[in-house]
Amino acid sequence: MTDKQIANAVRSMRADWRKTERGYREDSSGPNWRNVERKCEALLVQLEKQPVPTLGPVLEDGLSILLLAPTHNTDGLPNHPAFDTGFGQAGRWVLAPELLTVQRQSGAMGGDAFYALGKSGIGYWIGHIGISPATGKTFRKGERMARIADQSGTDHVHVGMDVRPLIGKNLLYGANGNGPDYTWGSPTIGAQLAAGMA
């Protein structure tokens, strides 16, 4: 809801209030009070909706995560549909897409990995990096976290995302929404979050 829409909703409620001659204490059952209460409830519902988080890129000069689409699931983590980026760029810095905290260490077939929790509530599994940051470490949005591992065949970063706290279900991935792995066709992460949080 935009600021202009909020202002218009408040003006409409004020107009209804001004139509009431005796006031709420003397006549709370009149149609104008019911209109104001209904409009207040509708405005509160809109204001309490959580906005889609503004996620940044995971690579310097890269696209926001919101503009990328998951292409596969993370092996062994069914709630972390993922995308890969930075192919052939071993040593390139991996950035925090939002304010996040490293929760625990993990491993990947090729390089190191870690779990992190974003300010938005999104859980991340970030893999194929050189050295994982320490558990408990917090990163600001855009801050460098680790470098892409320098290992043949895994010189990219894998970003798995658990968005269930925001939309109550997993991200769609691949051509069919649930695969096949390493195919295109699912909506972008931003579009999926917007639809799920509407």
N, C-alpha and C. Protein backbone atom coordinates (compact mmCIF):
# COMPACT_ATOMS: atom_id res chain seq x y z
N MET A 1 0.86 -1.18 0.00
CA MET A 1 0.00 0.00 0.00
C MET A 1 0.90 1.23 0.00
N THR A 2 0.64 2.15 -0.93
CA THR A 2 1.47 3.34 -1.04
C THR A 2 1.05 4.38 0.00
N ASP A 3 1.93 5.38 0.22
CA ASP A 3 1.59 6.46 1.14
C ASP A 3 0.33 7.20 0.68
N LYS A 4 0.18 7.37 -0.63
CA LYS A 4 -1.01 8.06 -1.15
C LYS A 4 -2.28 7.27 -0.85
N GLN A 5 -2.22 5.94 -0.99
CA GLN A 5 -3.38 5.10 -0.70
C GLN A 5 -3.72 5.14 0.79
N ILE A 6 -2.70 5.16 1.65
CA ILE A 6 -2.94 5.28 3.09
C ILE A 6 -3.61 6.61 3.40
N ALA A 7 -3.09 7.69 2.83
CA ALA A 7 -3.67 9.02 3.07
C ALA A 7 -5.12 9.08 2.62
N ASN A 8 -5.42 8.49 1.47
CA ASN A 8 -6.80 8.49 0.97
C ASN A 8 -7.72 7.68 1.89
N ALA A 9 -7.22 6.57 2.42
CA ALA A 9 -8.03 5.77 3.34
C ALA A 9 -8.33 6.54 4.61
N VAL A 10 -7.34 7.26 5.14
CA VAL A 10 -7.55 8.06 6.35
C VAL A 10 -8.53 9.20 6.08
N ARG A 11 -8.43 9.86 4.93
CA ARG A 11 -9.37 10.94 4.57
C ARG A 11 -10.80 10.41 4.50
N SER A 12 -10.95 9.21 3.94
CA SER A 12 -12.29 8.62 3.83
C SER A 12 -12.87 8.34 5.22
N MET A 13 -12.03 7.83 6.12
CA MET A 13 -12.50 7.60 7.49
C MET A 13 -12.87 8.91 8.17
N ARG A 14 -12.06 9.93 7.98
CA ARG A 14 -12.34 11.24 8.59
C ARG A 14 -13.67 11.78 8.08
N ALA A 15 -13.95 11.61 6.80
CA ALA A 15 -15.22 12.08 6.23
C ALA A 15 -16.40 11.38 6.90
N ASP A 16 -16.25 10.07 7.15
CA ASP A 16 -17.32 9.34 7.83
C ASP A 16 -17.49 9.82 9.27
N TRP A 17 -16.37 10.06 9.95
CA TRP A 17 -16.46 10.56 11.33
C TRP A 17 -17.23 11.88 11.38
N ARG A 18 -16.97 12.74 10.42
CA ARG A 18 -17.59 14.07 10.43
C ARG A 18 -19.09 14.02 10.14
N LYS A 19 -19.57 12.93 9.58
CA LYS A 19 -21.00 12.77 9.32
C LYS A 19 -21.77 12.41 10.59
N THR A 20 -21.07 12.01 11.61
CA THR A 20 -21.71 11.61 12.86
C THR A 20 -21.96 12.84 13.72
N GLU A 21 -23.19 13.08 14.12
CA GLU A 21 -23.53 14.30 14.86
C GLU A 21 -23.38 14.13 16.36
N ARG A 22 -23.72 12.98 16.90
CA ARG A 22 -23.74 12.84 18.35
C ARG A 22 -22.46 12.25 18.93
N GLY A 23 -21.65 11.58 18.10
CA GLY A 23 -20.42 10.99 18.64
C GLY A 23 -20.61 9.55 19.03
N TYR A 24 -19.52 8.88 19.18
CA TYR A 24 -19.54 7.44 19.42
C TYR A 24 -20.20 7.07 20.75
N ARG A 25 -20.01 7.88 21.79
CA ARG A 25 -20.58 7.54 23.10
C ARG A 25 -22.10 7.55 23.09
N GLU A 26 -22.70 8.41 22.27
CA GLU A 26 -24.15 8.51 22.26
C GLU A 26 -24.81 7.58 21.25
N ASP A 27 -24.08 7.29 20.16
CA ASP A 27 -24.69 6.46 19.12
C ASP A 27 -23.60 5.72 18.36
N SER A 28 -23.17 4.60 18.92
CA SER A 28 -22.09 3.85 18.28
C SER A 28 -22.61 2.85 17.25
N SER A 29 -23.90 2.81 17.06
CA SER A 29 -24.46 1.83 16.14
C SER A 29 -24.77 2.41 14.77
N GLY A 30 -24.55 3.69 14.59
CA GLY A 30 -24.90 4.34 13.31
C GLY A 30 -24.05 3.83 12.15
N PRO A 31 -24.54 4.02 10.92
CA PRO A 31 -23.85 3.49 9.74
C PRO A 31 -22.48 4.12 9.53
N ASN A 32 -22.31 5.38 9.92
CA ASN A 32 -21.01 6.01 9.69
C ASN A 32 -19.93 5.40 10.58
N TRP A 33 -20.27 5.10 11.84
CA TRP A 33 -19.29 4.45 12.71
C TRP A 33 -18.92 3.07 12.19
N ARG A 34 -19.93 2.34 11.69
CA ARG A 34 -19.63 1.03 11.13
C ARG A 34 -18.70 1.15 9.92
N ASN A 35 -18.92 2.18 9.10
CA ASN A 35 -18.03 2.41 7.95
C ASN A 35 -16.60 2.68 8.40
N VAL A 36 -16.45 3.52 9.43
CA VAL A 36 -15.11 3.84 9.92
C VAL A 36 -14.43 2.59 10.47
N GLU A 37 -15.16 1.80 11.24
CA GLU A 37 -14.56 0.58 11.80
C GLU A 37 -14.14 -0.38 10.70
N ARG A 38 -14.98 -0.54 9.69
CA ARG A 38 -14.66 -1.42 8.57
C ARG A 38 -13.42 -0.93 7.83
N LYS A 39 -13.35 0.37 7.60
CA LYS A 39 -12.20 0.93 6.88
C LYS A 39 -10.92 0.85 7.71
N CYS A 40 -11.05 1.05 9.02
CA CYS A 40 -9.88 0.92 9.91
C CYS A 40 -9.33 -0.51 9.87
N GLU A 41 -10.24 -1.49 9.92
CA GLU A 41 -9.79 -2.89 9.88
C GLU A 41 -9.10 -3.19 8.56
N ALA A 42 -9.66 -2.72 7.45
CA ALA A 42 -9.05 -2.97 6.14
C ALA A 42 -7.68 -2.30 6.04
N LEU A 43 -7.56 -1.09 6.58
CA LEU A 43 -6.27 -0.38 6.55
C LEU A 43 -5.24 -1.12 7.40
N LEU A 44 -5.64 -1.59 8.57
CA LEU A 44 -4.71 -2.33 9.42
C LEU A 44 -4.22 -3.61 8.73
N VAL A 45 -5.11 -4.31 8.05
CA VAL A 45 -4.70 -5.52 7.34
C VAL A 45 -3.62 -5.19 6.32
N GLN A 46 -3.81 -4.10 5.58
CA GLN A 46 -2.83 -3.70 4.57
C GLN A 46 -1.51 -3.29 5.20
N LEU A 47 -1.57 -2.52 6.29
CA LEU A 47 -0.35 -2.03 6.92
C LEU A 47 0.44 -3.13 7.60
N GLU A 48 -0.24 -4.20 8.03
CA GLU A 48 0.45 -5.28 8.72
C GLU A 48 1.03 -6.31 7.78
N LYS A 49 0.76 -6.20 6.48
CA LYS A 49 1.35 -7.13 5.53
C LYS A 49 2.86 -6.89 5.48
N GLN A 50 3.60 -7.98 5.52
CA GLN A 50 5.05 -7.87 5.46
C GLN A 50 5.46 -7.65 4.01
N PRO A 51 6.30 -6.65 3.75
CA PRO A 51 6.73 -6.43 2.37
C PRO A 51 7.74 -7.49 1.93
N VAL A 52 7.86 -7.68 0.63
CA VAL A 52 8.88 -8.57 0.09
C VAL A 52 10.24 -7.99 0.49
N PRO A 53 11.12 -8.80 1.07
CA PRO A 53 12.42 -8.27 1.49
C PRO A 53 13.23 -7.80 0.29
N THR A 54 14.01 -6.75 0.48
CA THR A 54 14.86 -6.23 -0.59
C THR A 54 16.20 -6.94 -0.53
N LEU A 55 16.28 -8.05 -1.24
CA LEU A 55 17.49 -8.86 -1.24
C LEU A 55 18.45 -8.37 -2.32
N GLY A 56 19.71 -8.32 -1.98
CA GLY A 56 20.73 -7.89 -2.92
C GLY A 56 21.35 -9.06 -3.65
N PRO A 57 22.43 -8.79 -4.36
CA PRO A 57 23.14 -9.85 -5.08
C PRO A 57 24.06 -10.64 -4.16
N VAL A 58 24.52 -11.80 -4.64
CA VAL A 58 25.51 -12.57 -3.90
C VAL A 58 26.91 -12.42 -4.52
N LEU A 59 26.98 -11.71 -5.64
CA LEU A 59 28.26 -11.41 -6.26
C LEU A 59 28.33 -9.92 -6.55
N GLU A 60 29.51 -9.33 -6.41
CA GLU A 60 29.67 -7.92 -6.75
C GLU A 60 29.30 -7.72 -8.21
N ASP A 61 28.54 -6.67 -8.49
CA ASP A 61 28.03 -6.37 -9.84
C ASP A 61 27.06 -7.43 -10.34
N GLY A 62 26.56 -8.28 -9.45
CA GLY A 62 25.59 -9.30 -9.85
C GLY A 62 24.17 -8.79 -9.71
N LEU A 63 23.22 -9.62 -10.14
CA LEU A 63 21.81 -9.28 -10.04
C LEU A 63 21.29 -9.58 -8.64
N SER A 64 20.28 -8.84 -8.22
CA SER A 64 19.60 -9.15 -6.98
C SER A 64 19.08 -10.58 -7.03
N ILE A 65 19.09 -11.25 -5.91
CA ILE A 65 18.51 -12.60 -5.81
C ILE A 65 17.06 -12.59 -6.30
N LEU A 66 16.35 -11.49 -6.10
CA LEU A 66 14.94 -11.41 -6.48
C LEU A 66 14.75 -11.59 -7.99
N LEU A 67 15.79 -11.32 -8.78
CA LEU A 67 15.69 -11.42 -10.23
C LEU A 67 16.14 -12.77 -10.77
N LEU A 68 16.58 -13.65 -9.88
CA LEU A 68 17.05 -14.97 -10.28
C LEU A 68 15.96 -16.02 -10.04
N ALA A 69 16.09 -17.15 -10.72
CA ALA A 69 15.12 -18.24 -10.57
C ALA A 69 15.84 -19.50 -10.11
N PRO A 70 15.26 -20.23 -9.17
CA PRO A 70 15.87 -21.49 -8.74
C PRO A 70 15.85 -22.51 -9.87
N THR A 71 16.94 -23.26 -10.00
CA THR A 71 17.05 -24.25 -11.07
C THR A 71 17.14 -25.68 -10.57
N HIS A 72 17.37 -25.86 -9.26
CA HIS A 72 17.52 -27.22 -8.74
C HIS A 72 17.34 -27.20 -7.23
N ASN A 73 17.21 -28.39 -6.67
CA ASN A 73 17.12 -28.49 -5.22
C ASN A 73 18.51 -28.77 -4.66
N THR A 74 18.71 -28.39 -3.40
CA THR A 74 19.98 -28.66 -2.74
C THR A 74 19.99 -30.12 -2.29
N ASP A 75 21.01 -30.88 -2.71
CA ASP A 75 21.09 -32.29 -2.34
C ASP A 75 20.99 -32.47 -0.83
N GLY A 76 20.07 -33.31 -0.41
CA GLY A 76 19.91 -33.62 1.01
C GLY A 76 19.15 -32.58 1.80
N LEU A 77 18.76 -31.47 1.17
CA LEU A 77 18.01 -30.41 1.86
C LEU A 77 16.76 -30.08 1.04
N PRO A 78 15.69 -30.83 1.20
CA PRO A 78 14.52 -30.66 0.34
C PRO A 78 13.83 -29.31 0.46
N ASN A 79 14.12 -28.54 1.50
CA ASN A 79 13.47 -27.24 1.65
C ASN A 79 14.37 -26.08 1.24
N HIS A 80 15.40 -26.36 0.44
CA HIS A 80 16.34 -25.32 0.01
C HIS A 80 16.52 -25.33 -1.50
N PRO A 81 15.45 -25.05 -2.29
CA PRO A 81 15.65 -24.87 -3.73
C PRO A 81 16.74 -23.83 -3.96
N ALA A 82 17.50 -23.98 -5.07
CA ALA A 82 18.73 -23.21 -5.20
C ALA A 82 18.98 -22.69 -6.61
N PHE A 83 19.94 -21.79 -6.66
CA PHE A 83 20.53 -21.36 -7.92
C PHE A 83 22.04 -21.37 -7.74
N ASP A 84 22.75 -21.50 -8.84
CA ASP A 84 24.21 -21.42 -8.86
C ASP A 84 24.61 -20.19 -9.66
N THR A 85 25.70 -19.56 -9.27
CA THR A 85 26.19 -18.40 -10.01
C THR A 85 27.70 -18.28 -9.82
N GLY A 86 28.33 -17.48 -10.65
CA GLY A 86 29.78 -17.27 -10.55
C GLY A 86 30.59 -18.40 -11.14
N PHE A 87 30.06 -19.09 -12.14
CA PHE A 87 30.79 -20.22 -12.73
C PHE A 87 32.13 -19.76 -13.30
N GLY A 88 33.16 -20.57 -13.03
CA GLY A 88 34.49 -20.27 -13.56
C GLY A 88 35.15 -19.07 -12.92
N GLN A 89 34.65 -18.66 -11.74
CA GLN A 89 35.17 -17.45 -11.09
C GLN A 89 35.70 -17.76 -9.69
N ALA A 90 36.53 -18.79 -9.60
CA ALA A 90 37.13 -19.16 -8.32
C ALA A 90 37.83 -17.95 -7.72
N GLY A 91 37.66 -17.77 -6.42
CA GLY A 91 38.28 -16.65 -5.72
C GLY A 91 37.42 -15.40 -5.65
N ARG A 92 36.34 -15.37 -6.41
CA ARG A 92 35.47 -14.19 -6.39
C ARG A 92 34.71 -14.14 -5.06
N TRP A 93 34.52 -12.92 -4.55
CA TRP A 93 33.84 -12.73 -3.26
C TRP A 93 32.36 -13.06 -3.36
N VAL A 94 31.84 -13.71 -2.33
CA VAL A 94 30.42 -13.98 -2.17
C VAL A 94 29.90 -12.99 -1.13
N LEU A 95 28.81 -12.29 -1.46
CA LEU A 95 28.26 -11.23 -0.62
C LEU A 95 27.02 -11.68 0.14
N ALA A 96 26.75 -11.02 1.24
CA ALA A 96 25.51 -11.26 1.99
C ALA A 96 24.37 -10.55 1.26
N PRO A 97 23.31 -11.27 0.87
CA PRO A 97 22.20 -10.65 0.16
C PRO A 97 21.29 -9.80 1.06
N GLU A 98 21.44 -9.97 2.36
CA GLU A 98 20.70 -9.19 3.36
C GLU A 98 21.48 -9.32 4.66
N LEU A 99 21.06 -8.63 5.69
CA LEU A 99 21.66 -8.81 7.01
C LEU A 99 21.45 -10.27 7.41
N LEU A 100 22.54 -10.99 7.67
CA LEU A 100 22.38 -12.39 8.04
C LEU A 100 23.44 -12.83 9.04
N THR A 101 23.13 -13.92 9.72
CA THR A 101 24.00 -14.48 10.75
C THR A 101 24.28 -15.94 10.41
N VAL A 102 25.54 -16.32 10.49
CA VAL A 102 25.94 -17.71 10.25
C VAL A 102 25.44 -18.55 11.42
N GLN A 103 24.68 -19.59 11.11
CA GLN A 103 24.10 -20.44 12.15
C GLN A 103 24.95 -21.66 12.47
N ARG A 104 25.45 -22.31 11.43
CA ARG A 104 26.29 -23.48 11.66
C ARG A 104 27.06 -23.82 10.40
N GLN A 105 28.06 -24.66 10.59
CA GLN A 105 28.92 -25.07 9.50
C GLN A 105 28.32 -26.26 8.76
N SER A 106 28.76 -26.44 7.52
CA SER A 106 28.32 -27.56 6.72
C SER A 106 29.46 -27.92 5.77
N GLY A 107 29.20 -28.77 4.84
CA GLY A 107 30.20 -29.16 3.85
C GLY A 107 29.54 -29.32 2.50
N ALA A 108 30.35 -29.29 1.46
CA ALA A 108 29.85 -29.45 0.11
C ALA A 108 30.78 -30.38 -0.64
N MET A 109 30.28 -31.01 -1.67
CA MET A 109 31.15 -31.82 -2.53
C MET A 109 31.97 -30.86 -3.37
N GLY A 110 33.03 -30.41 -2.80
CA GLY A 110 33.86 -29.40 -3.43
C GLY A 110 33.73 -28.10 -2.66
N GLY A 111 34.65 -27.83 -1.77
CA GLY A 111 34.63 -26.60 -1.00
C GLY A 111 33.90 -26.74 0.32
N ASP A 112 33.75 -25.63 0.97
CA ASP A 112 33.12 -25.55 2.28
C ASP A 112 31.70 -25.03 2.11
N ALA A 113 30.92 -24.99 3.21
CA ALA A 113 29.54 -24.50 3.16
C ALA A 113 29.09 -24.10 4.56
N PHE A 114 27.99 -23.33 4.62
CA PHE A 114 27.44 -22.93 5.91
C PHE A 114 25.96 -22.61 5.78
N TYR A 115 25.27 -22.69 6.93
CA TYR A 115 23.88 -22.27 7.04
C TYR A 115 23.86 -20.86 7.62
N ALA A 116 22.92 -20.05 7.15
CA ALA A 116 22.77 -18.69 7.70
C ALA A 116 21.29 -18.35 7.76
N LEU A 117 20.96 -17.43 8.65
CA LEU A 117 19.59 -16.94 8.78
C LEU A 117 19.57 -15.45 8.47
N GLY A 118 18.73 -15.05 7.51
CA GLY A 118 18.61 -13.65 7.13
C GLY A 118 17.64 -12.90 8.03
N LYS A 119 17.77 -11.60 8.05
CA LYS A 119 16.87 -10.74 8.82
C LYS A 119 15.41 -10.96 8.41
N SER A 120 15.20 -11.29 7.15
CA SER A 120 13.84 -11.51 6.62
C SER A 120 13.20 -12.78 7.18
N GLY A 121 14.02 -13.68 7.72
CA GLY A 121 13.52 -14.99 8.14
C GLY A 121 13.90 -16.09 7.17
N ILE A 122 14.46 -15.73 6.03
CA ILE A 122 14.89 -16.73 5.05
C ILE A 122 16.12 -17.46 5.57
N GLY A 123 16.10 -18.79 5.42
CA GLY A 123 17.26 -19.61 5.75
C GLY A 123 18.08 -19.85 4.49
N TYR A 124 19.39 -19.80 4.61
CA TYR A 124 20.28 -19.98 3.47
C TYR A 124 21.23 -21.14 3.71
N TRP A 125 21.56 -21.86 2.65
CA TRP A 125 22.68 -22.80 2.64
C TRP A 125 23.57 -22.34 1.49
N ILE A 126 24.76 -21.92 1.83
CA ILE A 126 25.69 -21.37 0.84
C ILE A 126 26.89 -22.30 0.76
N GLY A 127 27.15 -22.83 -0.45
CA GLY A 127 28.18 -23.84 -0.60
C GLY A 127 29.14 -23.59 -1.74
N HIS A 128 30.18 -24.41 -1.77
CA HIS A 128 31.27 -24.36 -2.74
C HIS A 128 32.10 -23.08 -2.55
N ILE A 129 32.36 -22.78 -1.29
CA ILE A 129 33.20 -21.63 -0.96
C ILE A 129 34.52 -22.13 -0.39
N GLY A 130 35.52 -21.24 -0.37
CA GLY A 130 36.84 -21.63 0.10
C GLY A 130 36.87 -21.93 1.59
N ILE A 131 36.56 -20.95 2.40
CA ILE A 131 36.56 -21.10 3.86
C ILE A 131 35.26 -20.51 4.39
N SER A 132 34.54 -21.30 5.15
CA SER A 132 33.27 -20.85 5.71
C SER A 132 33.52 -19.84 6.84
N PRO A 133 32.71 -18.78 6.92
CA PRO A 133 32.83 -17.86 8.05
C PRO A 133 32.40 -18.53 9.36
N ALA A 134 32.87 -17.99 10.46
CA ALA A 134 32.63 -18.58 11.78
C ALA A 134 31.16 -18.56 12.16
N THR A 135 30.72 -19.60 12.84
CA THR A 135 29.36 -19.65 13.38
C THR A 135 29.16 -18.47 14.32
N GLY A 136 28.01 -17.80 14.18
CA GLY A 136 27.70 -16.63 15.00
C GLY A 136 28.08 -15.32 14.36
N LYS A 137 28.88 -15.37 13.30
CA LYS A 137 29.30 -14.13 12.62
C LYS A 137 28.11 -13.52 11.90
N THR A 138 27.96 -12.20 12.03
CA THR A 138 26.89 -11.47 11.36
C THR A 138 27.48 -10.62 10.24
N PHE A 139 26.78 -10.58 9.11
CA PHE A 139 27.21 -9.80 7.95
C PHE A 139 26.12 -8.80 7.58
N ARG A 140 26.54 -7.59 7.26
CA ARG A 140 25.62 -6.59 6.74
C ARG A 140 25.30 -6.92 5.28
N LYS A 141 24.19 -6.43 4.79
CA LYS A 141 23.83 -6.61 3.39
C LYS A 141 24.95 -6.05 2.51
N GLY A 142 25.42 -6.86 1.59
CA GLY A 142 26.47 -6.44 0.67
C GLY A 142 27.88 -6.69 1.17
N GLU A 143 28.02 -7.14 2.42
CA GLU A 143 29.36 -7.38 2.97
C GLU A 143 29.92 -8.70 2.43
N ARG A 144 31.24 -8.73 2.24
CA ARG A 144 31.91 -9.93 1.75
C ARG A 144 31.92 -11.00 2.84
N MET A 145 31.54 -12.23 2.46
CA MET A 145 31.47 -13.33 3.44
C MET A 145 32.55 -14.38 3.21
N ALA A 146 32.76 -14.75 1.96
CA ALA A 146 33.69 -15.83 1.62
C ALA A 146 34.02 -15.73 0.14
N ARG A 147 34.97 -16.55 -0.29
CA ARG A 147 35.32 -16.60 -1.72
C ARG A 147 34.88 -17.93 -2.33
N ILE A 148 34.57 -17.89 -3.61
CA ILE A 148 34.23 -19.13 -4.33
C ILE A 148 35.44 -20.05 -4.30
N ALA A 149 35.19 -21.32 -4.01
CA ALA A 149 36.27 -22.31 -3.90
C ALA A 149 37.00 -22.47 -5.22
N ASP A 150 38.29 -22.72 -5.11
CA ASP A 150 39.13 -22.95 -6.29
C ASP A 150 39.31 -24.44 -6.46
N GLN A 151 38.25 -25.10 -6.93
CA GLN A 151 38.28 -26.54 -7.13
C GLN A 151 37.63 -26.87 -8.46
N SER A 152 38.29 -27.66 -9.24
CA SER A 152 37.80 -28.02 -10.55
C SER A 152 36.39 -28.61 -10.47
N GLY A 153 35.49 -28.10 -11.27
CA GLY A 153 34.13 -28.61 -11.34
C GLY A 153 33.17 -27.99 -10.34
N THR A 154 33.70 -27.30 -9.34
CA THR A 154 32.82 -26.67 -8.35
C THR A 154 33.15 -25.18 -8.20
N ASP A 155 33.71 -24.59 -9.23
CA ASP A 155 34.09 -23.18 -9.13
C ASP A 155 32.89 -22.29 -9.42
N HIS A 156 31.93 -22.34 -8.49
CA HIS A 156 30.74 -21.49 -8.50
C HIS A 156 30.23 -21.46 -7.07
N VAL A 157 29.26 -20.58 -6.80
CA VAL A 157 28.63 -20.57 -5.48
C VAL A 157 27.20 -21.08 -5.63
N HIS A 158 26.81 -21.91 -4.69
CA HIS A 158 25.47 -22.50 -4.65
C HIS A 158 24.71 -21.80 -3.52
N VAL A 159 23.53 -21.28 -3.82
CA VAL A 159 22.72 -20.61 -2.81
C VAL A 159 21.36 -21.29 -2.73
N GLY A 160 21.16 -22.05 -1.65
CA GLY A 160 19.88 -22.67 -1.38
C GLY A 160 19.09 -21.80 -0.42
N MET A 161 17.78 -21.69 -0.63
CA MET A 161 16.96 -20.79 0.17
C MET A 161 15.71 -21.49 0.71
N ASP A 162 15.52 -21.37 2.03
CA ASP A 162 14.31 -21.88 2.69
C ASP A 162 13.43 -20.67 3.00
N VAL A 163 12.40 -20.48 2.19
CA VAL A 163 11.52 -19.31 2.33
C VAL A 163 10.20 -19.65 3.03
N ARG A 164 10.09 -20.84 3.58
CA ARG A 164 8.83 -21.24 4.22
C ARG A 164 8.38 -20.29 5.32
N PRO A 165 9.30 -19.65 6.09
CA PRO A 165 8.82 -18.70 7.10
C PRO A 165 8.06 -17.51 6.49
N LEU A 166 8.30 -17.21 5.22
CA LEU A 166 7.63 -16.07 4.59
C LEU A 166 6.37 -16.47 3.82
N ILE A 167 6.42 -17.59 3.10
CA ILE A 167 5.28 -17.92 2.24
C ILE A 167 4.66 -19.28 2.56
N GLY A 168 5.20 -19.99 3.54
CA GLY A 168 4.61 -21.24 3.97
C GLY A 168 4.84 -22.43 3.06
N LYS A 169 5.68 -22.27 2.05
CA LYS A 169 5.98 -23.38 1.14
C LYS A 169 7.35 -23.13 0.50
N ASN A 170 7.85 -24.15 -0.19
CA ASN A 170 9.13 -24.03 -0.85
C ASN A 170 9.02 -23.22 -2.14
N LEU A 171 10.14 -22.68 -2.57
CA LEU A 171 10.22 -22.05 -3.88
C LEU A 171 10.06 -23.12 -4.96
N LEU A 172 9.42 -22.75 -6.06
CA LEU A 172 9.38 -23.61 -7.24
C LEU A 172 10.75 -23.57 -7.89
N TYR A 173 11.14 -24.67 -8.52
CA TYR A 173 12.44 -24.69 -9.21
C TYR A 173 12.34 -25.57 -10.45
N GLY A 174 13.22 -25.29 -11.41
CA GLY A 174 13.27 -26.07 -12.63
C GLY A 174 12.07 -25.83 -13.54
N ALA A 175 12.01 -26.59 -14.61
CA ALA A 175 10.99 -26.40 -15.64
C ALA A 175 9.58 -26.70 -15.15
N ASN A 176 9.45 -27.64 -14.20
CA ASN A 176 8.12 -28.06 -13.75
C ASN A 176 7.74 -27.57 -12.36
N GLY A 177 8.59 -26.75 -11.76
CA GLY A 177 8.30 -26.27 -10.40
C GLY A 177 8.89 -27.17 -9.34
N ASN A 178 9.15 -28.42 -9.69
CA ASN A 178 9.81 -29.36 -8.79
C ASN A 178 10.85 -30.17 -9.56
N GLY A 179 11.47 -29.51 -10.52
CA GLY A 179 12.50 -30.14 -11.33
C GLY A 179 12.12 -30.12 -12.80
N PRO A 180 12.79 -30.89 -13.61
CA PRO A 180 14.02 -31.60 -13.31
C PRO A 180 15.13 -30.64 -12.88
N ASP A 181 16.06 -31.17 -12.08
CA ASP A 181 17.17 -30.34 -11.63
C ASP A 181 17.94 -29.76 -12.82
N TYR A 182 18.44 -28.57 -12.60
CA TYR A 182 19.26 -27.84 -13.57
C TYR A 182 18.53 -27.54 -14.86
N THR A 183 17.24 -27.17 -14.71
CA THR A 183 16.46 -26.69 -15.85
C THR A 183 15.87 -25.34 -15.50
N TRP A 184 15.46 -24.62 -16.53
CA TRP A 184 14.86 -23.30 -16.38
C TRP A 184 13.36 -23.39 -16.55
N GLY A 185 12.65 -22.37 -16.04
CA GLY A 185 11.22 -22.30 -16.27
C GLY A 185 10.40 -21.80 -15.10
N SER A 186 10.94 -21.89 -13.89
CA SER A 186 10.19 -21.40 -12.73
C SER A 186 10.25 -19.89 -12.65
N PRO A 187 9.26 -19.27 -12.00
CA PRO A 187 9.28 -17.81 -11.82
C PRO A 187 10.49 -17.37 -11.00
N THR A 188 10.82 -16.10 -11.10
CA THR A 188 11.92 -15.57 -10.31
C THR A 188 11.59 -15.66 -8.82
N ILE A 189 12.63 -15.59 -8.02
CA ILE A 189 12.44 -15.63 -6.57
C ILE A 189 11.59 -14.44 -6.12
N GLY A 190 11.83 -13.26 -6.68
CA GLY A 190 11.04 -12.09 -6.34
C GLY A 190 9.57 -12.26 -6.65
N ALA A 191 9.26 -12.82 -7.83
CA ALA A 191 7.87 -13.04 -8.21
C ALA A 191 7.21 -14.06 -7.29
N GLN A 192 7.94 -15.09 -6.92
CA GLN A 192 7.37 -16.11 -6.04
C GLN A 192 7.12 -15.55 -4.64
N LEU A 193 8.04 -14.74 -4.13
CA LEU A 193 7.83 -14.14 -2.81
C LEU A 193 6.66 -13.16 -2.83
N ALA A 194 6.58 -12.34 -3.89
CA ALA A 194 5.49 -11.38 -4.00
C ALA A 194 4.15 -12.08 -4.03
N ALA A 195 4.03 -13.16 -4.80
CA ALA A 195 2.77 -13.89 -4.91
C ALA A 195 2.44 -14.57 -3.57
N GLY A 196 3.44 -15.13 -2.92
CA GLY A 196 3.20 -15.84 -1.67
C GLY A 196 2.90 -14.94 -0.49
N MET A 197 3.35 -13.69 -0.56
CA MET A 197 3.15 -12.76 0.54
C MET A 197 2.00 -11.80 0.31
N ALA A 198 1.32 -11.94 -0.84
CA ALA A 198 0.21 -11.03 -1.16
C ALA A 198 -0.95 -11.23 -0.22
